[in-house]
Amino acid sequence: MSKKNIDKLLIFALGGVGEIGKNMYCVQYGNDIIVIDSGLKFPEEDMLGIDIVIPDIGYLTENRDKVRGIIITHGHEDHIGGLPYVLKHLNVPLYATKLTMGLIEAKLKEANLLGTTNRIVINSESVLPLGVLTATFFKTNHSIPDSVGVALDTPEGVVVHTGDFKFDQTPVNDQYADLHRMAEIGKKGVLALLSDSTNAERPGYTGSERSVGVEIEEVFRKAKQRVVIATFASNIHRVQQVFDAAAATNRKVTVIGRSMVNVVSIASELGYLHIPDGMLIEPEEVNKLAADRVVILSTGSQGEPMSALTRMARSTHRKIDILPGDTVIIAATPIPGNERYVGRTVDELFRIGANVIYGPGSVTGVHVSGHGSQEELKLMLNLIKPKYFIPIHGEYRMLRQHAILAESVGIAKEDIFMCEIGDTVEIQNGVARKGSKVQSGNILIDGLGVGDVGNIVLRDRKLLSQDGILVVVVTLSKQDGKILSGPDIISRGFVYVRESEGLLEEANRIVTNTLTKLMNENVNEWASLKTNVKDVLGRFLYEQTRRRPMILPIIMEV
């Protein structure tokens, strides 16, 4: 009789499901936890003043002695951006491919973590024993080189995490997806598959990155003046094609924008980017060359307010101006939520007189996604043939659509697990079910503060942004409780003081009367004085203005 497993296999996401970004997935068996990816995401509109958002790793820090390592699938921000924060609290070994590690090291250097982090470079042939779990890898295509999927051998069976992928039959760098390895893994039997759902709503196949190169070269040929091209800095295949097209059309290239400069230097140093000798020029040299001999490679494809392209569009860039007749290519699609910023930048560029090539409506195909569409997602499911399926990496509707695709290729509905952040899938003796939740959520980063801005602070910021603030300052006598000075009312963002003198005088009178009445009734606890002033003043101001400013009473005793 076979011995039953007493330990359970747990699979859960601390980020990356029901959202785009901050990817972090965990596989745990007994006393061994493996973390896959550690990303960030950008704040939503109601997260006022927040810079970035990372996963809550409370569960991992509580169980830090069980965490065997963090495996990174590829070098995009939504997979590596959380590392400088996570590694401060979770100093565990880090496993990544050569280029991915190069990009991570630049981040760790900035965060002074390079010396304390154990970094192990892997490749698609690596075999990592991590406690009772063993990790192996397979090559995938994505919009950044050196991306891999992960197969974790566990006592319950094999768990496969695809990483971000598409199937590009003609990849720019000739790194083909390893379909044979995927099929081999599938043939041996896979317990559970976690697969990228980003393009689950898009029918057909995602185009090859190589097709973009042809279009870019065509635009370069036709452009009579300078060409400015903005794309994601980390899309090294796209960056390579810009250099290739510049070489074919006899143009020099200058690189602007901090992240673009960083990535170009790291990728060329590590041999992932091949730049012909003498092609790179400094931004200061641009104006010395004929306009039809220059390409400006820039950040800002998402219309970010401080990016190089946005500053050029507003003529506030220190080194480069866009001139009427220049061609601007935005070789990226807007991340959901950024459409407005991109639209604003495009408007500014048209206003200057530039020819702008952007978005799905543009005649030329200057962008393809790095994520597989529906037919590629089905191919992955058919290669891996999992018993259980967990769609990951996408907003809820994308996960749902991916689940429908899985059903269409023969996976039973009850074997598909739609998970929220923190949900666990428990597998014991080959049987899977939804388990209890683990601690999870968002950690908000504002400046140097990590997690010190929570819902209450955000609520206050929202109130301040809507109706402003009134500060009421009063000085009372300790002896007899009489008002010695004030109340002085200071208004910010509520009403314009000079035009609202009557309103503020009346408010002043109401505060004085309230305080006098309370003193006469021997109420002299500061808490009740403040609460009464807030209530009475709040009611009056709402009646008069239909606004609810934040009211801060400050009471001093002398």
Protein backbone atom coordinates (compact mmCIF):
# COMPACT_ATOMS: atom_id res chain seq x y z
CA MET A 1 0.00 0.00 0.00
CA SER A 2 1.41 3.43 -0.98
CA LYS A 3 2.26 5.80 1.84
CA LYS A 4 -0.04 8.84 1.87
CA ASN A 5 1.60 12.28 1.82
CA ILE A 6 0.93 14.13 5.04
CA ASP A 7 2.32 17.45 3.76
CA LYS A 8 0.34 19.59 1.33
CA LEU A 9 1.46 21.44 -1.75
CA LEU A 10 0.34 25.08 -1.65
CA ILE A 11 0.25 27.36 -4.70
CA PHE A 12 -0.66 31.04 -4.24
CA ALA A 13 -0.14 34.51 -5.69
CA LEU A 14 0.88 37.53 -3.59
CA GLY A 15 0.49 39.76 -6.67
CA GLY A 16 -0.29 39.54 -10.38
CA VAL A 17 -3.82 38.07 -10.35
CA GLY A 18 -6.78 40.40 -10.84
CA GLU A 19 -4.29 43.12 -11.83
CA ILE A 20 -1.50 43.94 -14.24
CA GLY A 21 1.81 44.19 -12.38
CA LYS A 22 3.52 43.33 -9.06
CA ASN A 23 3.84 39.69 -10.04
CA MET A 24 4.77 37.34 -7.22
CA TYR A 25 3.86 33.65 -7.10
CA CYS A 26 4.72 31.10 -4.42
CA VAL A 27 4.91 27.31 -4.32
CA GLN A 28 5.22 25.70 -0.88
CA TYR A 29 5.63 22.10 0.18
CA GLY A 30 6.10 21.46 3.91
CA ASN A 31 9.04 23.57 5.05
CA ASP A 32 10.15 24.74 1.60
CA ILE A 33 8.86 27.84 -0.19
CA ILE A 34 9.96 29.02 -3.63
CA VAL A 35 9.02 32.51 -4.80
CA ILE A 36 8.73 33.25 -8.52
CA ASP A 37 9.18 36.93 -9.48
CA SER A 38 9.02 40.04 -7.35
CA GLY A 39 7.50 42.94 -9.25
CA LEU A 40 5.93 46.33 -8.73
CA LYS A 41 2.95 48.08 -10.25
CA PHE A 42 2.13 51.72 -10.76
CA PRO A 43 -0.48 53.34 -8.50
CA GLU A 44 -4.14 53.58 -9.38
CA GLU A 45 -5.78 57.00 -9.72
CA ASP A 46 -7.16 56.99 -6.18
CA MET A 47 -3.70 56.32 -4.66
CA LEU A 48 -2.87 60.01 -4.31
CA GLY A 49 0.84 60.78 -4.12
CA ILE A 50 1.90 57.11 -4.17
CA ASP A 51 4.94 56.33 -6.33
CA ILE A 52 4.75 52.56 -6.67
CA VAL A 53 2.95 49.54 -5.21
CA ILE A 54 4.58 46.23 -4.21
CA PRO A 55 3.12 42.99 -2.80
CA ASP A 56 2.60 42.51 0.94
CA ILE A 57 5.22 39.87 1.84
CA GLY A 58 4.11 39.44 5.48
CA TYR A 59 3.53 35.70 4.96
CA LEU A 60 7.05 35.25 3.56
CA THR A 61 8.79 37.27 6.29
CA GLU A 62 6.91 35.26 8.97
CA ASN A 63 8.17 32.08 7.26
CA ARG A 64 11.55 33.45 6.17
CA ASP A 65 13.43 30.35 7.35
CA LYS A 66 11.39 28.29 4.84
CA VAL A 67 12.01 30.51 1.79
CA ARG A 68 14.64 28.74 -0.32
CA GLY A 69 15.01 31.48 -2.92
CA ILE A 70 13.44 33.87 -5.40
CA ILE A 71 13.48 32.82 -9.07
CA ILE A 72 13.05 35.61 -11.63
CA THR A 73 11.58 34.70 -15.05
CA HIS A 74 12.69 37.86 -16.93
CA GLY A 75 13.82 41.46 -16.48
CA HIS A 76 10.65 43.56 -16.73
CA GLU A 77 9.73 45.99 -13.93
CA ASP A 78 6.51 44.15 -13.10
CA HIS A 79 8.71 41.12 -12.28
CA ILE A 80 11.89 42.65 -10.78
CA GLY A 81 10.85 46.11 -9.54
CA GLY A 82 9.94 44.96 -6.03
CA LEU A 83 13.31 43.31 -5.32
CA PRO A 84 15.07 46.33 -3.72
CA TYR A 85 12.26 46.45 -1.12
CA VAL A 86 11.66 42.71 -0.73
CA LEU A 87 15.35 41.75 -0.31
CA LYS A 88 15.70 44.21 2.58
CA HIS A 89 13.25 42.07 4.58
CA LEU A 90 13.89 38.71 2.97
CA ASN A 91 17.58 38.13 2.39
CA VAL A 92 17.36 34.88 0.39
CA PRO A 93 19.27 33.63 -2.69
CA LEU A 94 18.22 35.15 -6.01
CA TYR A 95 18.20 33.12 -9.25
CA ALA A 96 18.00 34.78 -12.68
CA THR A 97 19.39 34.53 -16.21
CA LYS A 98 22.40 36.64 -17.25
CA LEU A 99 20.63 39.69 -18.72
CA THR A 100 17.90 39.64 -16.05
CA MET A 101 20.58 39.56 -13.34
CA GLY A 102 22.43 42.47 -15.03
CA LEU A 103 19.26 44.61 -14.86
CA ILE A 104 18.59 43.53 -11.25
CA GLU A 105 22.17 44.34 -10.17
CA ALA A 106 21.77 47.95 -11.37
CA LYS A 107 18.74 48.23 -9.04
CA LEU A 108 20.44 46.52 -6.09
CA LYS A 109 23.46 48.80 -6.49
CA GLU A 110 21.21 51.87 -6.12
CA ALA A 111 19.64 50.31 -3.01
CA ASN A 112 23.03 49.35 -1.47
CA LEU A 113 22.05 45.68 -1.51
CA LEU A 114 24.57 44.34 -4.00
CA GLY A 115 27.07 43.20 -1.37
CA THR A 116 24.52 41.45 0.85
CA THR A 117 22.50 39.59 -1.81
CA ASN A 118 23.46 36.07 -2.85
CA ARG A 119 22.99 36.16 -6.65
CA ILE A 120 23.13 32.98 -8.75
CA VAL A 121 23.04 33.23 -12.57
CA ILE A 122 21.09 30.42 -14.24
CA ASN A 123 20.32 29.38 -17.81
CA SER A 124 17.73 27.14 -19.46
CA GLU A 125 19.88 24.06 -18.66
CA SER A 126 20.18 24.78 -14.91
CA VAL A 127 18.86 22.33 -12.31
CA LEU A 128 18.30 23.85 -8.85
CA PRO A 129 17.69 21.63 -5.82
CA LEU A 130 15.76 23.83 -3.36
CA GLY A 131 14.83 21.75 -0.32
CA VAL A 132 12.45 18.98 -1.43
CA LEU A 133 11.66 20.99 -4.57
CA THR A 134 13.76 21.05 -7.75
CA ALA A 135 13.57 23.82 -10.36
CA THR A 136 14.34 23.37 -14.07
CA PHE A 137 13.80 25.86 -16.86
CA PHE A 138 12.75 26.22 -20.51
CA LYS A 139 13.35 29.07 -22.97
CA THR A 140 10.41 31.28 -23.96
CA ASN A 141 9.94 34.26 -26.31
CA HIS A 142 9.00 37.61 -24.85
CA SER A 143 9.77 41.26 -25.55
CA ILE A 144 13.03 40.98 -23.60
CA PRO A 145 15.79 38.40 -24.15
CA ASP A 146 16.69 35.68 -21.66
CA SER A 147 13.13 34.99 -20.49
CA VAL A 148 12.38 31.52 -19.12
CA GLY A 149 9.53 29.41 -17.84
CA VAL A 150 9.96 27.37 -14.65
CA ALA A 151 9.14 23.71 -13.94
CA LEU A 152 9.11 22.83 -10.23
CA ASP A 153 9.35 19.18 -9.31
CA THR A 154 7.49 18.64 -6.04
CA PRO A 155 6.60 15.47 -4.08
CA GLU A 156 3.03 15.88 -5.43
CA GLY A 157 4.06 16.33 -9.08
CA VAL A 158 5.37 19.01 -11.45
CA VAL A 159 4.16 22.63 -11.25
CA VAL A 160 4.89 24.74 -14.35
CA HIS A 161 5.00 28.56 -14.39
CA THR A 162 5.21 29.90 -17.96
CA GLY A 163 6.57 33.37 -17.15
CA ASP A 164 5.48 35.95 -19.76
CA PHE A 165 5.52 34.35 -23.20
CA LYS A 166 4.48 34.27 -26.82
CA PHE A 167 5.48 31.89 -29.62
CA ASP A 168 7.54 33.96 -32.07
CA GLN A 169 8.57 31.75 -35.00
CA THR A 170 11.09 34.36 -36.25
CA PRO A 171 12.56 35.95 -33.10
CA VAL A 172 14.95 38.87 -33.58
CA ASN A 173 17.75 37.32 -31.52
CA ASP A 174 17.20 33.76 -32.81
CA GLN A 175 16.29 32.62 -29.29
CA TYR A 176 13.50 30.22 -30.15
CA ALA A 177 10.98 29.03 -27.59
CA ASP A 178 11.97 25.52 -26.55
CA LEU A 179 8.84 23.67 -27.69
CA HIS A 180 10.60 20.30 -27.40
CA ARG A 181 11.40 20.89 -23.72
CA MET A 182 7.81 22.03 -23.06
CA ALA A 183 6.42 18.95 -24.81
CA GLU A 184 8.80 16.69 -22.85
CA ILE A 185 7.66 18.23 -19.55
CA GLY A 186 4.04 17.74 -20.65
CA LYS A 187 4.67 14.14 -21.69
CA LYS A 188 6.09 13.23 -18.26
CA GLY A 189 2.93 14.61 -16.66
CA VAL A 190 2.21 18.02 -15.14
CA LEU A 191 0.17 18.49 -11.98
CA ALA A 192 -0.56 22.23 -12.32
CA LEU A 193 0.09 24.98 -14.86
CA LEU A 194 0.24 28.70 -14.05
CA SER A 195 0.07 30.57 -17.35
CA ASP A 196 0.26 34.22 -18.57
CA SER A 197 -3.23 35.61 -19.34
CA THR A 198 -2.37 39.14 -20.58
CA ASN A 199 -3.68 38.64 -24.12
CA ALA A 200 -6.34 36.02 -23.37
CA GLU A 201 -8.99 38.32 -24.86
CA ARG A 202 -7.14 38.69 -28.17
CA PRO A 203 -7.98 36.11 -30.86
CA GLY A 204 -5.41 34.58 -33.22
CA TYR A 205 -1.63 34.88 -32.90
CA THR A 206 0.59 37.76 -31.76
CA GLY A 207 2.75 39.09 -34.61
CA SER A 208 6.49 38.45 -34.79
CA GLU A 209 8.81 41.12 -33.43
CA ARG A 210 10.79 40.84 -36.67
CA SER A 211 7.84 42.36 -38.61
CA VAL A 212 8.25 45.53 -36.54
CA GLY A 213 11.86 45.89 -37.71
CA VAL A 214 10.75 45.96 -41.35
CA GLU A 215 8.20 48.71 -40.60
CA ILE A 216 10.69 50.78 -38.55
CA GLU A 217 13.24 50.65 -41.38
CA GLU A 218 10.55 51.74 -43.86
CA VAL A 219 9.65 54.76 -41.69
CA PHE A 220 13.36 55.68 -41.34
CA ARG A 221 13.76 55.57 -45.14
CA LYS A 222 10.77 57.81 -45.83
CA ALA A 223 11.49 60.38 -43.08
CA LYS A 224 12.91 63.60 -44.55
CA GLN A 225 14.17 64.88 -41.19
CA ARG A 226 15.06 63.48 -37.78
CA VAL A 227 13.29 60.44 -36.38
CA VAL A 228 12.39 60.20 -32.69
CA ILE A 229 11.34 56.72 -31.56
CA ALA A 230 9.96 56.02 -28.09
CA THR A 231 9.58 52.48 -26.76
CA PHE A 232 9.93 50.52 -23.50
CA ALA A 233 13.59 50.63 -22.46
CA SER A 234 13.48 46.94 -21.57
CA ASN A 235 12.27 45.88 -25.03
CA ILE A 236 15.81 45.07 -26.15
CA HIS A 237 14.66 43.34 -29.35
CA ARG A 238 12.93 46.57 -30.39
CA VAL A 239 16.00 48.63 -29.43
CA GLN A 240 18.20 46.29 -31.51
CA GLN A 241 15.91 46.81 -34.50
CA VAL A 242 16.22 50.58 -34.12
CA PHE A 243 20.02 50.26 -34.36
CA ASP A 244 19.67 47.84 -37.32
CA ALA A 245 17.31 50.19 -39.18
CA ALA A 246 19.62 53.16 -38.45
CA ALA A 247 22.57 51.23 -39.90
CA ALA A 248 20.55 50.30 -43.02
CA THR A 249 19.49 53.94 -43.60
CA ASN A 250 22.84 55.50 -42.69
CA ARG A 251 21.65 57.33 -39.58
CA LYS A 252 23.39 57.90 -36.22
CA VAL A 253 21.59 57.19 -32.95
CA THR A 254 21.48 59.14 -29.69
CA VAL A 255 19.89 57.62 -26.59
CA ILE A 256 17.99 59.79 -24.08
CA GLY A 257 16.05 59.01 -20.91
CA ARG A 258 17.68 57.52 -17.82
CA SER A 259 16.20 54.02 -18.04
CA MET A 260 16.95 53.77 -21.78
CA VAL A 261 20.58 54.82 -21.25
CA ASN A 262 20.91 52.25 -18.40
CA VAL A 263 19.40 49.35 -20.33
CA VAL A 264 21.35 50.08 -23.53
CA SER A 265 24.63 50.17 -21.61
CA ILE A 266 23.89 46.98 -19.58
CA ALA A 267 22.56 45.02 -22.59
CA SER A 268 25.47 45.98 -24.87
CA GLU A 269 28.02 45.22 -22.12
CA LEU A 270 26.53 41.74 -21.65
CA GLY A 271 26.38 41.10 -25.41
CA TYR A 272 22.60 41.21 -25.85
CA LEU A 273 22.67 44.39 -27.95
CA HIS A 274 24.97 44.81 -30.97
CA ILE A 275 25.69 48.44 -31.84
CA PRO A 276 27.92 49.13 -34.86
CA ASP A 277 31.09 51.14 -34.05
CA GLY A 278 30.65 54.88 -34.37
CA MET A 279 26.85 54.73 -34.49
CA LEU A 280 26.14 56.09 -30.99
CA ILE A 281 26.40 59.85 -30.61
CA GLU A 282 25.92 62.19 -27.65
CA PRO A 283 22.71 64.28 -27.50
CA GLU A 284 24.87 67.44 -27.89
CA GLU A 285 26.00 66.24 -31.34
CA VAL A 286 22.48 65.93 -32.77
CA ASN A 287 22.30 69.50 -34.06
CA LYS A 288 25.69 69.20 -35.76
CA LEU A 289 24.44 66.50 -38.15
CA ALA A 290 22.05 66.78 -41.10
CA ALA A 291 18.46 66.21 -39.96
CA ASP A 292 18.01 63.11 -42.17
CA ARG A 293 21.05 61.43 -40.56
CA VAL A 294 19.75 61.28 -36.97
CA VAL A 295 17.63 58.93 -34.84
CA ILE A 296 16.72 59.81 -31.26
CA LEU A 297 15.89 56.72 -29.17
CA SER A 298 13.88 57.78 -26.15
CA THR A 299 11.79 56.77 -23.15
CA GLY A 300 8.24 58.06 -22.76
CA SER A 301 6.10 55.65 -24.78
CA GLN A 302 3.51 55.80 -21.95
CA GLY A 303 3.32 59.62 -21.90
CA GLU A 304 4.90 59.71 -18.42
CA PRO A 305 4.99 63.39 -17.36
CA MET A 306 8.75 63.47 -16.61
CA SER A 307 9.92 61.24 -19.47
CA ALA A 308 12.20 62.40 -22.27
CA LEU A 309 9.51 62.29 -25.00
CA THR A 310 6.99 64.27 -22.95
CA ARG A 311 9.59 66.92 -22.14
CA MET A 312 10.58 67.16 -25.82
CA ALA A 313 6.89 67.47 -26.78
CA ARG A 314 6.56 70.39 -24.34
CA SER A 315 9.87 71.94 -25.49
CA THR A 316 11.26 71.65 -21.96
CA HIS A 317 14.02 69.11 -22.68
CA ARG A 318 17.46 70.53 -21.92
CA LYS A 319 19.23 69.07 -24.94
CA ILE A 320 16.79 68.23 -27.73
CA ASP A 321 13.86 70.03 -29.35
CA ILE A 322 11.41 68.43 -31.76
CA LEU A 323 11.05 70.52 -34.92
CA PRO A 324 8.19 70.74 -37.45
CA GLY A 325 8.60 67.96 -39.99
CA ASP A 326 10.37 65.54 -37.59
CA THR A 327 8.89 62.01 -37.44
CA VAL A 328 7.94 60.64 -34.03
CA ILE A 329 7.20 56.93 -33.61
CA ILE A 330 5.54 55.69 -30.41
CA ALA A 331 6.39 51.98 -30.62
CA ALA A 332 4.28 50.68 -27.71
CA THR A 333 0.64 50.39 -26.76
CA PRO A 334 -0.53 52.28 -23.67
CA ILE A 335 -0.74 50.27 -20.45
CA PRO A 336 -4.40 50.42 -19.28
CA GLY A 337 -4.83 53.76 -17.45
CA ASN A 338 -2.09 55.58 -19.40
CA GLU A 339 -4.16 56.31 -22.53
CA ARG A 340 -4.86 59.89 -21.40
CA TYR A 341 -1.16 60.69 -20.90
CA VAL A 342 -0.21 59.22 -24.28
CA GLY A 343 -3.05 61.16 -25.98
CA ARG A 344 -1.83 64.39 -24.38
CA THR A 345 1.76 63.81 -25.59
CA VAL A 346 0.55 62.96 -29.11
CA ASP A 347 -1.50 66.19 -29.16
CA GLU A 348 1.53 68.25 -28.14
CA LEU A 349 3.63 66.60 -30.87
CA PHE A 350 1.05 67.33 -33.57
CA ARG A 351 0.87 70.92 -32.30
CA ILE A 352 4.62 71.28 -32.88
CA GLY A 353 4.14 70.05 -36.47
CA ALA A 354 5.68 66.57 -36.11
CA ASN A 355 4.50 63.54 -38.09
CA VAL A 356 3.37 61.12 -35.38
CA ILE A 357 3.04 57.36 -35.88
CA TYR A 358 1.30 55.78 -32.88
CA GLY A 359 -1.35 53.41 -31.61
CA PRO A 360 -3.42 50.71 -33.25
CA GLY A 361 -4.80 53.22 -35.74
CA SER A 362 -1.38 53.93 -37.27
CA VAL A 363 -0.88 52.69 -40.83
CA THR A 364 2.42 50.97 -39.99
CA GLY A 365 2.83 48.10 -37.55
CA VAL A 366 5.45 49.68 -35.30
CA HIS A 367 4.50 47.60 -32.26
CA VAL A 368 3.61 44.01 -31.47
CA SER A 369 2.85 42.63 -28.04
CA GLY A 370 5.27 40.45 -26.08
CA HIS A 371 2.39 38.25 -24.89
CA GLY A 372 0.75 35.35 -26.69
CA SER A 373 -2.80 35.65 -28.05
CA GLN A 374 -5.51 32.98 -27.74
CA GLU A 375 -4.04 30.42 -30.17
CA GLU A 376 -0.64 30.58 -28.43
CA LEU A 377 -2.23 30.18 -25.00
CA LYS A 378 -4.03 27.08 -26.31
CA LEU A 379 -0.74 25.77 -27.72
CA MET A 380 0.91 26.14 -24.29
CA LEU A 381 -2.00 24.28 -22.65
CA ASN A 382 -1.74 21.50 -25.26
CA LEU A 383 2.04 21.17 -24.87
CA ILE A 384 2.01 21.09 -21.05
CA LYS A 385 -1.28 19.10 -20.68
CA PRO A 386 -1.77 19.90 -16.97
CA LYS A 387 -4.16 18.14 -14.63
CA TYR A 388 -5.01 21.46 -12.93
CA PHE A 389 -4.91 24.95 -14.43
CA ILE A 390 -4.44 28.32 -12.66
CA PRO A 391 -4.59 31.37 -14.97
CA ILE A 392 -2.27 34.16 -13.71
CA HIS A 393 -0.84 37.51 -14.81
CA GLY A 394 -3.86 39.57 -15.79
CA GLU A 395 -6.99 41.40 -14.70
CA TYR A 396 -9.97 39.26 -13.72
CA ARG A 397 -11.63 39.35 -17.16
CA MET A 398 -8.36 38.11 -18.76
CA LEU A 399 -8.07 35.25 -16.23
CA ARG A 400 -11.71 34.33 -16.91
CA GLN A 401 -11.17 34.33 -20.67
CA HIS A 402 -8.06 32.15 -20.22
CA ALA A 403 -10.14 29.71 -18.15
CA ILE A 404 -12.66 29.50 -21.04
CA LEU A 405 -9.78 28.75 -23.46
CA ALA A 406 -8.55 25.99 -21.11
CA GLU A 407 -12.02 24.41 -21.14
CA SER A 408 -12.04 24.57 -24.95
CA VAL A 409 -8.88 22.41 -25.09
CA GLY A 410 -10.32 19.79 -22.75
CA ILE A 411 -9.51 20.84 -19.18
CA ALA A 412 -12.48 20.17 -16.91
CA LYS A 413 -14.14 23.23 -15.40
CA GLU A 414 -13.68 21.88 -11.84
CA ASP A 415 -9.92 21.53 -12.46
CA ILE A 416 -9.51 25.26 -13.23
CA PHE A 417 -8.86 27.56 -10.25
CA MET A 418 -9.64 31.26 -10.53
CA CYS A 419 -7.61 32.88 -7.76
CA GLU A 420 -7.55 36.26 -6.06
CA ILE A 421 -4.39 37.55 -4.35
CA GLY A 422 -3.76 35.48 -1.21
CA ASP A 423 -5.99 32.53 -2.24
CA THR A 424 -4.25 29.17 -1.94
CA VAL A 425 -4.72 26.08 -4.05
CA GLU A 426 -3.97 23.06 -1.81
CA ILE A 427 -2.97 19.79 -3.46
CA GLN A 428 -2.69 16.64 -1.36
CA ASN A 429 -2.38 13.10 -2.75
CA GLY A 430 -3.13 14.46 -6.22
CA VAL A 431 -6.40 16.15 -5.21
CA ALA A 432 -6.67 19.95 -5.46
CA ARG A 433 -9.01 22.29 -3.62
CA LYS A 434 -9.20 25.93 -2.57
CA GLY A 435 -7.40 26.36 0.77
CA SER A 436 -7.40 29.13 3.36
CA LYS A 437 -6.09 32.60 2.49
CA VAL A 438 -2.59 33.84 3.36
CA GLN A 439 -1.72 37.41 4.35
CA SER A 440 -1.61 39.53 1.19
CA GLY A 441 -2.38 42.97 -0.21
CA ASN A 442 -0.66 46.14 -1.33
CA ILE A 443 2.31 47.90 0.24
CA LEU A 444 2.33 51.52 -0.89
CA ILE A 445 5.62 53.34 -1.41
CA ASP A 446 5.68 57.12 -1.18
CA GLY A 447 9.17 58.63 -1.44
CA LEU A 448 11.34 56.80 1.08
CA GLY A 449 8.39 55.56 3.12
CA VAL A 450 7.53 51.90 2.61
CA GLY A 451 4.09 50.94 3.89
CA ASP A 452 3.68 54.02 6.11
CA VAL A 453 0.87 55.33 3.91
CA GLY A 454 -2.24 53.21 4.47
CA ASN A 455 -5.96 53.55 3.77
CA ILE A 456 -6.48 56.21 6.45
CA VAL A 457 -3.75 58.48 5.07
CA LEU A 458 -5.12 57.97 1.54
CA ARG A 459 -8.62 58.81 2.77
CA ASP A 460 -7.29 62.04 4.32
CA ARG A 461 -5.46 62.94 1.09
CA LYS A 462 -8.67 62.35 -0.84
CA LEU A 463 -10.63 64.60 1.53
CA LEU A 464 -7.96 67.32 1.33
CA SER A 465 -7.93 67.12 -2.46
CA GLN A 466 -11.72 67.45 -2.65
CA ASP A 467 -12.71 70.10 -0.10
CA GLY A 468 -9.51 71.48 1.46
CA ILE A 469 -8.74 72.12 5.12
CA LEU A 470 -9.64 74.60 7.88
CA VAL A 471 -7.38 74.99 10.89
CA VAL A 472 -8.97 76.61 13.96
CA VAL A 473 -6.43 77.91 16.52
CA VAL A 474 -7.61 78.96 20.01
CA THR A 475 -5.65 79.85 23.16
CA LEU A 476 -7.46 79.33 26.51
CA SER A 477 -6.55 80.52 29.97
CA LYS A 478 -5.65 77.70 32.37
CA GLN A 479 -7.05 79.58 35.38
CA ASP A 480 -10.57 80.47 34.31
CA GLY A 481 -10.97 78.76 30.92
CA LYS A 482 -11.54 82.10 29.15
CA ILE A 483 -10.53 82.51 25.49
CA LEU A 484 -7.31 84.56 25.50
CA SER A 485 -6.78 84.72 21.76
CA GLY A 486 -8.51 83.49 18.64
CA PRO A 487 -10.23 81.65 17.29
CA ASP A 488 -8.01 82.21 14.23
CA ILE A 489 -9.25 80.33 11.19
CA ILE A 490 -6.74 79.39 8.50
CA SER A 491 -8.20 78.08 5.23
CA ARG A 492 -6.33 76.17 2.51
CA GLY A 493 -8.07 74.77 -0.57
CA PHE A 494 -11.55 75.46 0.89
CA VAL A 495 -12.54 79.01 -0.05
CA TYR A 496 -10.65 82.06 -1.25
CA VAL A 497 -10.32 84.04 2.01
CA ARG A 498 -10.62 87.55 0.59
CA GLU A 499 -13.92 86.76 -1.09
CA SER A 500 -15.37 84.84 1.88
CA GLU A 501 -14.79 87.18 4.80
CA GLY A 502 -18.45 87.04 5.86
CA LEU A 503 -18.49 83.25 5.92
CA LEU A 504 -15.28 83.02 7.97
CA GLU A 505 -16.42 85.74 10.41
CA GLU A 506 -19.63 83.79 11.01
CA ALA A 507 -17.57 80.58 11.46
CA ASN A 508 -15.40 82.45 13.96
CA ARG A 509 -18.45 83.57 15.92
CA ILE A 510 -19.88 80.02 15.97
CA VAL A 511 -16.58 78.57 17.33
CA THR A 512 -16.41 81.31 20.03
CA ASN A 513 -20.02 80.67 21.12
CA THR A 514 -19.52 76.89 21.19
CA LEU A 515 -16.37 77.14 23.31
CA THR A 516 -17.88 79.71 25.71
CA LYS A 517 -21.00 77.53 26.18
CA LEU A 518 -18.87 74.45 26.90
CA MET A 519 -16.64 76.33 29.36
CA ASN A 520 -19.72 77.58 31.22
CA GLU A 521 -20.89 73.97 31.47
CA ASN A 522 -17.43 73.02 32.92
CA VAL A 523 -16.53 70.90 29.91
CA ASN A 524 -12.75 71.34 29.67
CA GLU A 525 -11.47 68.08 28.23
CA TRP A 526 -9.64 68.87 25.03
CA ALA A 527 -11.07 65.87 23.20
CA SER A 528 -14.70 66.96 23.75
CA LEU A 529 -13.87 70.62 23.02
CA LYS A 530 -12.31 69.63 19.70
CA THR A 531 -15.11 67.21 18.76
CA ASN A 532 -17.80 69.82 19.50
CA VAL A 533 -16.00 72.52 17.49
CA LYS A 534 -15.60 70.09 14.55
CA ASP A 535 -19.25 69.02 14.61
CA VAL A 536 -20.78 72.49 14.91
CA LEU A 537 -18.42 74.10 12.37
CA GLY A 538 -18.74 71.16 9.95
CA ARG A 539 -22.56 71.43 10.00
CA PHE A 540 -22.50 75.20 9.45
CA LEU A 541 -20.01 75.04 6.55
CA TYR A 542 -21.92 72.22 4.86
CA GLU A 543 -25.18 74.22 5.09
CA GLN A 544 -23.49 77.29 3.61
CA THR A 545 -21.27 75.70 0.93
CA ARG A 546 -22.29 72.03 0.49
CA ARG A 547 -18.60 71.17 1.10
CA ARG A 548 -16.97 69.14 3.85
CA PRO A 549 -13.44 70.46 4.43
CA MET A 550 -11.17 68.72 6.91
CA ILE A 551 -11.40 70.67 10.19
CA LEU A 552 -8.40 70.67 12.53
CA PRO A 553 -9.02 72.42 15.89
CA ILE A 554 -5.80 73.32 17.73
CA ILE A 555 -6.38 74.28 21.38
CA MET A 556 -3.57 75.67 23.56
CA GLU A 557 -3.64 76.50 27.26
CA VAL A 558 -1.58 79.28 28.83
